[in-house]
Amino acid sequence: MAETKKSSKFFTPGWIQVVVAFVVAIVTQGFGIYHFGMLKVPMTEALGAQPAEVALGFSIYALAAGFASLVVGDVINKIKLRGSMLCSAVLFSGGFLILGLMTEIWQVYVAYVVMGIGSALGGMVILSGIPNNWFNKRRGIATAIIWSAMFPGSLVVGQIIPAATASGNWQMAPFALAGIAFVVLIVGAFLLKWQPQEVGLLPDGMTEEEAAAQAEAAGAAKLVGLTRGEALKTTTFWFIAIAFALIGIGEQGPFQNFPAYIVGNGFDLAVAGAFMSAISLSGVVGKLASGVIIDAVGPRIAYCILNSLAVVGLVLIIFVGDNIVLLFASSILFGVALSSSAVCFSTATAMYLGPKHFGAIYGFVFLGKPICDAIGVPLVAAISGTALGFSGAFGICAVFVAGSTISMFMVRKNKKLVQMEEEAAKELQAEVAAQ
């Protein structure tokens, strides 16, 4: 291990990494998630296609990003974090360029395959791995700050796309987003470091003496953890993965269908837009709150608390759909839990399975989420058109959220990891005593 520097209570290098990752997340997550809904209308009109045909593009994007995430850990091992980020810059921005040039529907699908792979190479696994590798005590709030970047990302998209569309040249929007994404990801490639040990540091700015005093800190300092093969054989992994998958239906299913529900209750699109903005802003508060709670009591309890609120919020939305005040109040409960999963599951993976092979493991943990995202949105839309209506659809989603919460509650730190951490602490204590 390289010589470590003196302990820093604030750990400035770690927070610099968080700031850089935050800016990268504005692009790969904020642009990636929020651009589609706003580009869908002009793309549909330009192609003369059916809305459902264009909508398939988002499902393709989610699935491409999910499956590509499986190999991100291996990519980092072979060509380093910088190589992965450079590939992301080319592919993610390239996907936007294809959208700006497309003239047929199949080109939209190609664009979203390319963009999805680019998003994975600079997205979920890396943006979750940076805070979990660089922090131990503060990994919850560090992760939450990074994932709060989706909100400013939505604001940037919300300015660029309407302006380009109003000018009569909507293609300029994906070109502009491509340019911003390329610059940010190239710069990020040269500033981000996968692990503090690469530059002679330890998580949280710890000294070896401080790490030796606590088994978990020693495990982070020594980079212990289960391999991907070992993790796949544990109940810890499967409870986390199942919980992450179930929330894809329970969370994104209703979220993407709320505007149709609100308009169906007699309100206009302006009210629907304000409702979605309220949820998005509440999501920022929820992410930050989840980080604080995680650092206090761990990701398992934090997730159970926040997603119990989501269940209550969904149930209330079913019964107060015609009351605008109560509807917005209910949206806050749902919004606070929205996307807290990205914070809770990444920290749970590092904390309960170990940080050493985080990239390789987390790609598999994450896989179920985009698959269920792709299922949940059309599933809710389909159920809403039956006799069950939106009330039945949202009620089913509440059951999925509850199931996800129960699965996460069952998660416990793997016993083999506990042994690894204890052995790492003994090794560090022996090294410190010998100095």
Protein backbone atom coordinates (compact mmCIF):
# COMPACT_ATOMS: atom_id res chain seq x y z
CA MET A 1 0.00 0.00 0.00
CA ALA A 2 1.31 3.47 -0.82
CA GLU A 3 2.32 5.70 2.04
CA THR A 4 -0.78 7.34 3.48
CA LYS A 5 -1.13 10.99 4.33
CA LYS A 6 -2.30 12.50 7.59
CA SER A 7 -5.91 12.10 8.59
CA SER A 8 -8.24 14.85 7.44
CA LYS A 9 -11.51 15.32 9.30
CA PHE A 10 -13.13 16.94 6.26
CA PHE A 11 -11.17 14.86 3.73
CA THR A 12 -10.98 17.47 0.96
CA PRO A 13 -9.73 15.09 -1.80
CA GLY A 14 -12.75 12.85 -1.26
CA TRP A 15 -15.23 15.70 -1.52
CA ILE A 16 -13.52 16.94 -4.69
CA GLN A 17 -14.24 13.51 -6.15
CA VAL A 18 -17.88 13.89 -5.06
CA VAL A 19 -18.13 17.29 -6.80
CA VAL A 20 -16.67 15.92 -10.05
CA ALA A 21 -18.95 12.86 -9.89
CA PHE A 22 -21.92 15.20 -9.25
CA VAL A 23 -21.21 17.07 -12.49
CA VAL A 24 -20.81 13.79 -14.40
CA ALA A 25 -24.13 12.60 -12.94
CA ILE A 26 -25.87 15.73 -14.26
CA VAL A 27 -25.00 14.41 -17.72
CA THR A 28 -25.23 10.61 -17.64
CA GLN A 29 -28.17 10.49 -15.23
CA GLY A 30 -29.96 13.85 -15.49
CA PHE A 31 -29.70 14.17 -19.27
CA GLY A 32 -30.15 10.43 -19.72
CA ILE A 33 -33.41 10.14 -17.78
CA TYR A 34 -35.13 13.46 -18.42
CA HIS A 35 -34.43 14.20 -22.08
CA PHE A 36 -36.62 11.44 -23.51
CA GLY A 37 -40.02 12.66 -22.36
CA MET A 38 -39.34 16.11 -23.81
CA LEU A 39 -37.89 14.89 -27.12
CA LYS A 40 -40.58 12.25 -27.62
CA VAL A 41 -43.15 14.65 -29.12
CA PRO A 42 -40.90 16.33 -31.73
CA MET A 43 -39.32 12.97 -32.66
CA THR A 44 -42.77 11.40 -33.12
CA GLU A 45 -43.90 14.29 -35.33
CA ALA A 46 -40.67 14.30 -37.37
CA LEU A 47 -40.90 10.56 -38.05
CA GLY A 48 -44.67 10.39 -38.51
CA ALA A 49 -44.51 7.36 -36.23
CA GLN A 50 -46.84 6.02 -33.57
CA PRO A 51 -46.04 7.27 -30.02
CA ALA A 52 -45.66 3.68 -28.82
CA GLU A 53 -42.99 3.05 -31.45
CA VAL A 54 -40.94 6.01 -30.25
CA ALA A 55 -41.62 5.17 -26.60
CA LEU A 56 -39.91 1.83 -27.17
CA GLY A 57 -36.70 3.82 -27.41
CA PHE A 58 -36.69 4.50 -23.66
CA SER A 59 -37.15 0.82 -22.84
CA ILE A 60 -34.23 0.02 -25.15
CA TYR A 61 -32.14 2.67 -23.43
CA ALA A 62 -32.93 1.32 -19.95
CA LEU A 63 -32.18 -2.27 -20.94
CA ALA A 64 -28.96 -1.37 -22.78
CA ALA A 65 -27.72 0.58 -19.76
CA GLY A 66 -28.70 -2.24 -17.40
CA PHE A 67 -27.02 -5.06 -19.29
CA ALA A 68 -23.93 -2.98 -20.10
CA SER A 69 -23.56 -2.25 -16.38
CA LEU A 70 -22.78 -5.94 -15.86
CA VAL A 71 -19.34 -5.50 -17.42
CA VAL A 72 -18.39 -2.04 -16.15
CA GLY A 73 -16.42 -3.49 -13.24
CA ASP A 74 -14.48 -5.71 -15.66
CA VAL A 75 -13.92 -2.76 -18.01
CA ILE A 76 -12.44 -0.72 -15.16
CA ASN A 77 -10.13 -3.60 -14.24
CA LYS A 78 -8.87 -3.86 -17.84
CA ILE A 79 -8.67 -0.25 -19.07
CA LYS A 80 -9.02 1.66 -15.80
CA LEU A 81 -11.66 4.20 -14.84
CA ARG A 82 -10.28 6.74 -17.31
CA GLY A 83 -10.69 4.34 -20.21
CA SER A 84 -14.28 3.60 -19.24
CA MET A 85 -15.08 7.31 -18.99
CA LEU A 86 -13.50 8.09 -22.37
CA CYS A 87 -15.58 5.35 -23.98
CA SER A 88 -18.63 6.81 -22.25
CA ALA A 89 -17.88 10.26 -23.67
CA VAL A 90 -17.82 8.92 -27.24
CA LEU A 91 -20.85 6.64 -26.95
CA PHE A 92 -23.17 8.72 -24.77
CA SER A 93 -22.67 11.91 -26.79
CA GLY A 94 -22.71 9.83 -29.98
CA GLY A 95 -26.19 8.60 -29.13
CA PHE A 96 -27.45 12.19 -28.97
CA LEU A 97 -25.79 12.98 -32.30
CA ILE A 98 -27.61 10.06 -33.93
CA LEU A 99 -30.92 11.36 -32.53
CA GLY A 100 -30.24 14.76 -34.07
CA LEU A 101 -29.53 13.20 -37.47
CA MET A 102 -32.11 10.39 -37.51
CA THR A 103 -34.72 10.14 -40.25
CA GLU A 104 -36.16 6.67 -39.54
CA ILE A 105 -37.42 4.90 -36.44
CA TRP A 106 -34.73 2.20 -36.45
CA GLN A 107 -32.11 4.93 -36.09
CA VAL A 108 -33.80 6.00 -32.85
CA TYR A 109 -33.37 2.49 -31.50
CA VAL A 110 -29.71 2.42 -32.55
CA ALA A 111 -29.20 5.78 -30.86
CA TYR A 112 -30.59 4.48 -27.58
CA VAL A 113 -28.52 1.30 -27.66
CA VAL A 114 -25.38 3.40 -28.15
CA MET A 115 -26.45 5.97 -25.56
CA GLY A 116 -27.42 3.28 -23.04
CA ILE A 117 -24.02 1.60 -23.26
CA GLY A 118 -22.35 5.01 -22.93
CA SER A 119 -24.48 5.82 -19.90
CA ALA A 120 -23.46 2.56 -18.22
CA LEU A 121 -19.73 3.15 -18.81
CA GLY A 122 -19.93 6.54 -17.10
CA GLY A 123 -23.01 6.09 -14.97
CA MET A 124 -24.63 3.95 -12.28
CA VAL A 125 -21.72 1.69 -11.27
CA ILE A 126 -19.04 4.39 -11.38
CA LEU A 127 -21.12 7.13 -9.74
CA SER A 128 -22.07 4.72 -6.95
CA GLY A 129 -18.56 3.29 -6.66
CA ILE A 130 -16.73 6.60 -6.23
CA PRO A 131 -18.39 7.58 -2.91
CA ASN A 132 -18.39 4.00 -1.64
CA ASN A 133 -14.68 3.60 -2.36
CA TRP A 134 -13.62 7.03 -1.09
CA PHE A 135 -15.76 7.10 2.05
CA ASN A 136 -16.59 4.77 4.91
CA LYS A 137 -18.20 6.86 7.65
CA ARG A 138 -19.74 9.39 5.24
CA ARG A 139 -20.51 7.20 2.24
CA GLY A 140 -24.28 7.70 2.67
CA ILE A 141 -24.33 11.49 2.35
CA ALA A 142 -21.57 11.43 -0.29
CA THR A 143 -23.63 9.05 -2.44
CA ALA A 144 -26.80 11.10 -1.86
CA ILE A 145 -25.13 14.32 -2.99
CA ILE A 146 -24.01 12.73 -6.26
CA TRP A 147 -27.45 11.33 -7.05
CA SER A 148 -29.09 14.68 -6.34
CA ALA A 149 -27.51 15.78 -9.63
CA MET A 150 -30.51 14.39 -11.51
CA PHE A 151 -32.49 17.50 -10.52
CA PRO A 152 -30.14 20.12 -12.07
CA GLY A 153 -29.79 17.77 -15.02
CA SER A 154 -33.55 17.94 -15.52
CA LEU A 155 -33.41 21.74 -15.33
CA VAL A 156 -30.74 21.96 -18.04
CA VAL A 157 -32.72 19.65 -20.30
CA GLY A 158 -35.86 21.62 -19.49
CA GLN A 159 -34.26 24.79 -20.85
CA ILE A 160 -32.42 23.49 -23.92
CA ILE A 161 -35.09 21.27 -25.51
CA PRO A 162 -38.05 23.72 -25.31
CA ALA A 163 -35.86 26.55 -26.63
CA ALA A 164 -34.70 24.50 -29.61
CA THR A 165 -38.22 23.23 -30.32
CA ALA A 166 -39.67 26.76 -30.16
CA SER A 167 -37.09 27.93 -32.71
CA GLY A 168 -38.37 25.31 -35.16
CA ASN A 169 -35.15 23.28 -35.12
CA TRP A 170 -35.51 20.68 -32.38
CA GLN A 171 -32.46 18.77 -33.66
CA MET A 172 -30.23 21.46 -32.17
CA ALA A 173 -31.23 20.20 -28.69
CA PRO A 174 -29.63 16.73 -28.96
CA PHE A 175 -26.59 18.34 -30.63
CA ALA A 176 -26.22 20.74 -27.70
CA LEU A 177 -26.66 17.95 -25.14
CA ALA A 178 -24.08 15.88 -27.03
CA GLY A 179 -21.55 18.69 -26.87
CA ILE A 180 -22.06 19.31 -23.15
CA ALA A 181 -21.91 15.59 -22.38
CA PHE A 182 -18.71 15.06 -24.37
CA VAL A 183 -16.84 17.88 -22.62
CA VAL A 184 -18.01 16.91 -19.12
CA LEU A 185 -17.17 13.23 -19.55
CA ILE A 186 -13.73 13.92 -21.06
CA VAL A 187 -12.85 16.23 -18.18
CA GLY A 188 -14.29 13.74 -15.69
CA ALA A 189 -12.12 10.99 -17.16
CA PHE A 190 -8.97 12.86 -16.13
CA LEU A 191 -10.20 14.01 -12.70
CA LEU A 192 -11.97 10.98 -11.26
CA LYS A 193 -10.03 8.30 -9.38
CA TRP A 194 -11.65 4.94 -8.68
CA GLN A 195 -10.04 4.39 -5.25
CA PRO A 196 -8.19 6.68 -2.80
CA GLN A 197 -5.41 4.10 -2.53
CA GLU A 198 -4.43 5.00 -6.09
CA VAL A 199 -3.17 8.37 -4.83
CA GLY A 200 -1.80 7.23 -1.46
CA LEU A 201 -4.93 7.90 0.60
CA LEU A 202 -7.40 5.86 2.63
CA PRO A 203 -11.22 6.24 2.83
CA ASP A 204 -12.38 9.22 4.91
CA GLY A 205 -8.77 10.44 5.04
CA MET A 206 -8.01 7.84 7.72
CA THR A 207 -4.52 6.99 8.89
CA GLU A 208 -3.55 3.35 9.20
CA GLU A 209 -3.71 3.75 12.99
CA GLU A 210 -7.32 4.93 12.80
CA ALA A 211 -8.30 2.16 10.39
CA ALA A 212 -6.70 -0.49 12.59
CA ALA A 213 -8.93 0.52 15.49
CA GLN A 214 -12.13 -0.55 13.73
CA ALA A 215 -12.77 -3.71 11.74
CA GLU A 216 -15.08 -2.15 9.14
CA ALA A 217 -12.69 0.75 8.53
CA ALA A 218 -9.79 -1.70 8.27
CA GLY A 219 -11.74 -3.68 5.69
CA ALA A 220 -12.23 -0.54 3.60
CA ALA A 221 -8.57 0.45 4.00
CA LYS A 222 -7.34 -3.01 3.02
CA LEU A 223 -9.99 -3.30 0.29
CA VAL A 224 -11.49 -6.57 1.44
CA GLY A 225 -14.75 -7.93 0.09
CA LEU A 226 -16.43 -10.87 -1.55
CA THR A 227 -15.75 -11.64 -5.18
CA ARG A 228 -18.64 -11.55 -7.63
CA GLY A 229 -18.86 -15.34 -7.60
CA GLU A 230 -18.89 -15.45 -3.81
CA ALA A 231 -21.50 -12.69 -3.61
CA LEU A 232 -23.86 -14.48 -6.00
CA LYS A 233 -23.98 -17.42 -3.59
CA THR A 234 -25.14 -15.32 -0.62
CA THR A 235 -28.64 -14.46 0.57
CA THR A 236 -27.34 -10.93 1.21
CA PHE A 237 -26.81 -10.36 -2.51
CA TRP A 238 -30.17 -11.80 -3.53
CA PHE A 239 -32.21 -9.86 -0.98
CA ILE A 240 -30.58 -6.62 -2.17
CA ALA A 241 -31.02 -7.51 -5.86
CA ILE A 242 -34.66 -8.56 -5.45
CA ALA A 243 -35.47 -5.40 -3.49
CA PHE A 244 -33.83 -3.27 -6.21
CA ALA A 245 -35.76 -5.05 -8.96
CA LEU A 246 -39.16 -4.79 -7.28
CA ILE A 247 -38.84 -1.05 -6.76
CA GLY A 248 -38.45 -0.64 -10.54
CA ILE A 249 -42.14 -1.49 -10.97
CA GLY A 250 -43.32 0.14 -7.75
CA GLU A 251 -41.48 3.41 -8.37
CA GLN A 252 -41.12 4.09 -12.10
CA GLY A 253 -44.43 2.44 -13.00
CA PRO A 254 -46.57 5.09 -11.32
CA PHE A 255 -44.07 7.94 -11.77
CA GLN A 256 -44.15 7.89 -15.56
CA ASN A 257 -47.96 7.52 -15.55
CA PHE A 258 -48.85 10.23 -13.02
CA PRO A 259 -49.45 12.90 -15.73
CA ALA A 260 -52.08 10.73 -17.46
CA TYR A 261 -53.72 10.04 -14.07
CA ILE A 262 -53.90 13.73 -13.17
CA VAL A 263 -55.27 14.79 -16.56
CA GLY A 264 -57.79 11.96 -16.31
CA ASN A 265 -58.99 13.46 -13.03
CA GLY A 266 -59.89 16.70 -14.80
CA PHE A 267 -56.76 18.78 -14.30
CA ASP A 268 -54.70 20.27 -17.13
CA LEU A 269 -51.12 19.54 -18.18
CA ALA A 270 -49.82 22.55 -16.27
CA VAL A 271 -51.01 20.97 -13.02
CA ALA A 272 -49.49 17.65 -14.08
CA GLY A 273 -46.18 19.39 -14.78
CA ALA A 274 -46.22 21.09 -11.39
CA PHE A 275 -47.01 17.75 -9.75
CA MET A 276 -44.01 16.09 -11.42
CA SER A 277 -41.76 19.00 -10.43
CA ALA A 278 -42.93 18.65 -6.82
CA ILE A 279 -42.04 14.96 -6.88
CA SER A 280 -38.63 15.67 -8.42
CA LEU A 281 -37.78 18.34 -5.85
CA SER A 282 -38.99 16.10 -3.02
CA GLY A 283 -36.71 13.41 -4.45
CA VAL A 284 -33.68 15.63 -3.89
CA VAL A 285 -34.70 16.10 -0.26
CA GLY A 286 -35.24 12.35 0.03
CA LYS A 287 -31.83 11.48 -1.40
CA LEU A 288 -30.07 13.81 1.02
CA ALA A 289 -32.19 12.55 3.90
CA SER A 290 -31.38 8.96 2.96
CA GLY A 291 -27.68 9.80 3.06
CA VAL A 292 -27.95 11.24 6.56
CA ILE A 293 -30.04 8.30 7.81
CA ILE A 294 -27.67 5.77 6.20
CA ASP A 295 -24.67 7.28 7.95
CA ALA A 296 -26.59 7.10 11.23
CA VAL A 297 -28.30 3.69 11.13
CA GLY A 298 -27.27 2.02 7.86
CA PRO A 299 -28.89 1.61 4.41
CA ARG A 300 -31.25 -1.22 5.43
CA ILE A 301 -33.18 0.82 7.98
CA ALA A 302 -32.96 4.01 5.89
CA TYR A 303 -34.57 2.27 2.91
CA CYS A 304 -37.34 0.73 5.01
CA ILE A 305 -38.23 4.10 6.55
CA LEU A 306 -38.32 6.03 3.27
CA ASN A 307 -40.17 3.42 1.23
CA SER A 308 -42.79 2.93 3.91
CA LEU A 309 -43.55 6.60 3.20
CA ALA A 310 -43.78 5.77 -0.52
CA VAL A 311 -46.42 3.11 0.19
CA VAL A 312 -48.45 5.61 2.22
CA GLY A 313 -48.04 8.23 -0.51
CA LEU A 314 -49.24 5.90 -3.26
CA VAL A 315 -52.26 4.78 -1.27
CA LEU A 316 -53.20 8.39 -0.52
CA ILE A 317 -52.81 9.37 -4.19
CA ILE A 318 -55.39 6.70 -5.05
CA PHE A 319 -57.99 8.20 -2.72
CA VAL A 320 -57.32 11.95 -3.05
CA GLY A 321 -56.90 12.23 -6.82
CA ASP A 322 -59.64 14.86 -7.12
CA ASN A 323 -58.31 17.09 -4.32
CA ILE A 324 -55.39 19.16 -5.58
CA VAL A 325 -54.07 20.12 -2.14
CA LEU A 326 -54.07 16.57 -0.76
CA LEU A 327 -52.75 15.27 -4.07
CA PHE A 328 -49.66 17.47 -3.85
CA ALA A 329 -49.20 16.61 -0.17
CA SER A 330 -49.24 12.92 -1.08
CA SER A 331 -46.74 13.54 -3.88
CA ILE A 332 -44.22 14.74 -1.31
CA LEU A 333 -44.39 11.42 0.55
CA PHE A 334 -43.87 9.48 -2.67
CA GLY A 335 -41.23 11.91 -3.92
CA VAL A 336 -39.13 11.73 -0.77
CA ALA A 337 -38.62 8.01 -1.40
CA LEU A 338 -38.19 8.42 -5.18
CA SER A 339 -34.73 7.28 -6.27
CA SER A 340 -33.50 6.82 -2.69
CA SER A 341 -32.91 3.29 -3.96
CA ALA A 342 -29.82 4.44 -5.88
CA VAL A 343 -28.31 5.67 -2.62
CA CYS A 344 -29.44 2.84 -0.36
CA PHE A 345 -28.60 -0.13 -2.58
CA SER A 346 -25.14 1.07 -3.57
CA THR A 347 -24.14 1.72 0.04
CA ALA A 348 -25.69 -1.61 1.09
CA THR A 349 -23.61 -3.43 -1.52
CA ALA A 350 -20.37 -1.86 -0.27
CA MET A 351 -21.25 -2.19 3.41
CA TYR A 352 -22.67 -5.72 3.44
CA LEU A 353 -20.60 -7.38 0.67
CA GLY A 354 -17.42 -5.31 0.81
CA PRO A 355 -15.87 -2.58 -1.38
CA LYS A 356 -13.06 -4.57 -3.03
CA HIS A 357 -15.10 -5.90 -5.96
CA PHE A 358 -17.88 -3.31 -5.83
CA GLY A 359 -17.89 -2.61 -9.57
CA ALA A 360 -18.18 -6.26 -10.54
CA ILE A 361 -20.94 -6.97 -7.99
CA TYR A 362 -23.03 -3.83 -8.32
CA GLY A 363 -23.61 -4.29 -12.03
CA PHE A 364 -25.44 -7.53 -11.18
CA VAL A 365 -27.28 -5.96 -8.23
CA PHE A 366 -28.50 -3.18 -10.53
CA LEU A 367 -29.59 -5.34 -13.48
CA GLY A 368 -33.10 -6.09 -12.21
CA LYS A 369 -33.93 -2.39 -11.83
CA PRO A 370 -33.82 -1.34 -15.53
CA ILE A 371 -35.58 -4.55 -16.54
CA CYS A 372 -38.43 -3.82 -14.14
CA ASP A 373 -38.39 -0.12 -15.12
CA ALA A 374 -39.01 -1.24 -18.69
CA ILE A 375 -41.83 -3.55 -17.52
CA GLY A 376 -43.42 -1.26 -14.94
CA VAL A 377 -44.26 1.75 -17.10
CA PRO A 378 -46.28 -0.10 -19.78
CA LEU A 379 -47.72 -2.45 -17.14
CA VAL A 380 -49.29 0.41 -15.20
CA ALA A 381 -50.55 1.98 -18.43
CA ALA A 382 -52.13 -1.33 -19.45
CA ILE A 383 -53.79 -1.98 -16.07
CA SER A 384 -55.14 1.57 -15.96
CA GLY A 385 -57.09 0.82 -19.13
CA THR A 386 -58.91 -2.12 -17.52
CA ALA A 387 -61.72 -2.16 -14.98
CA LEU A 388 -59.12 -1.77 -12.22
CA GLY A 389 -58.19 1.68 -13.53
CA PHE A 390 -55.36 3.77 -12.10
CA SER A 391 -56.50 2.99 -8.56
CA GLY A 392 -55.88 -0.71 -9.11
CA ALA A 393 -52.62 -0.05 -10.96
CA PHE A 394 -51.22 2.16 -8.19
CA GLY A 395 -52.44 -0.29 -5.55
CA ILE A 396 -50.46 -3.07 -7.25
CA CYS A 397 -47.43 -0.77 -7.37
CA ALA A 398 -47.80 -0.15 -3.62
CA VAL A 399 -47.61 -3.93 -3.12
CA PHE A 400 -44.36 -4.02 -5.11
CA VAL A 401 -42.91 -1.18 -3.00
CA ALA A 402 -43.92 -3.04 0.17
CA GLY A 403 -42.32 -6.23 -1.18
CA SER A 404 -39.12 -4.33 -1.95
CA THR A 405 -39.10 -2.91 1.56
CA ILE A 406 -39.56 -6.34 3.15
CA SER A 407 -36.76 -7.80 1.01
CA MET A 408 -34.38 -5.01 2.05
CA PHE A 409 -35.34 -5.49 5.70
CA MET A 410 -34.10 -9.08 5.42
CA VAL A 411 -30.60 -7.99 4.36
CA ARG A 412 -27.74 -8.64 6.79
CA LYS A 413 -23.99 -8.16 6.47
CA ASN A 414 -22.40 -11.30 5.09
CA LYS A 415 -20.62 -13.35 7.77
CA LYS A 416 -17.61 -14.00 5.56
CA LEU A 417 -17.15 -10.25 5.12
CA VAL A 418 -17.23 -9.78 8.90
CA GLN A 419 -14.39 -12.30 9.19
CA MET A 420 -12.43 -10.54 6.43
CA GLU A 421 -12.79 -7.20 8.21
CA GLU A 422 -11.65 -8.66 11.52
CA GLU A 423 -8.60 -10.23 9.84
CA ALA A 424 -7.81 -6.93 8.10
CA ALA A 425 -7.96 -5.12 11.45
CA LYS A 426 -5.51 -7.60 12.97
CA GLU A 427 -3.13 -7.18 10.02
CA LEU A 428 -3.25 -3.40 10.27
CA GLN A 429 -2.72 -3.51 14.02
CA ALA A 430 0.35 -5.69 13.49
CA GLU A 431 1.68 -3.34 10.79
CA VAL A 432 1.14 -0.27 12.96
CA ALA A 433 2.80 -1.96 15.96
CA ALA A 434 5.82 -2.86 13.80
CA GLN A 435 6.33 0.72 12.63
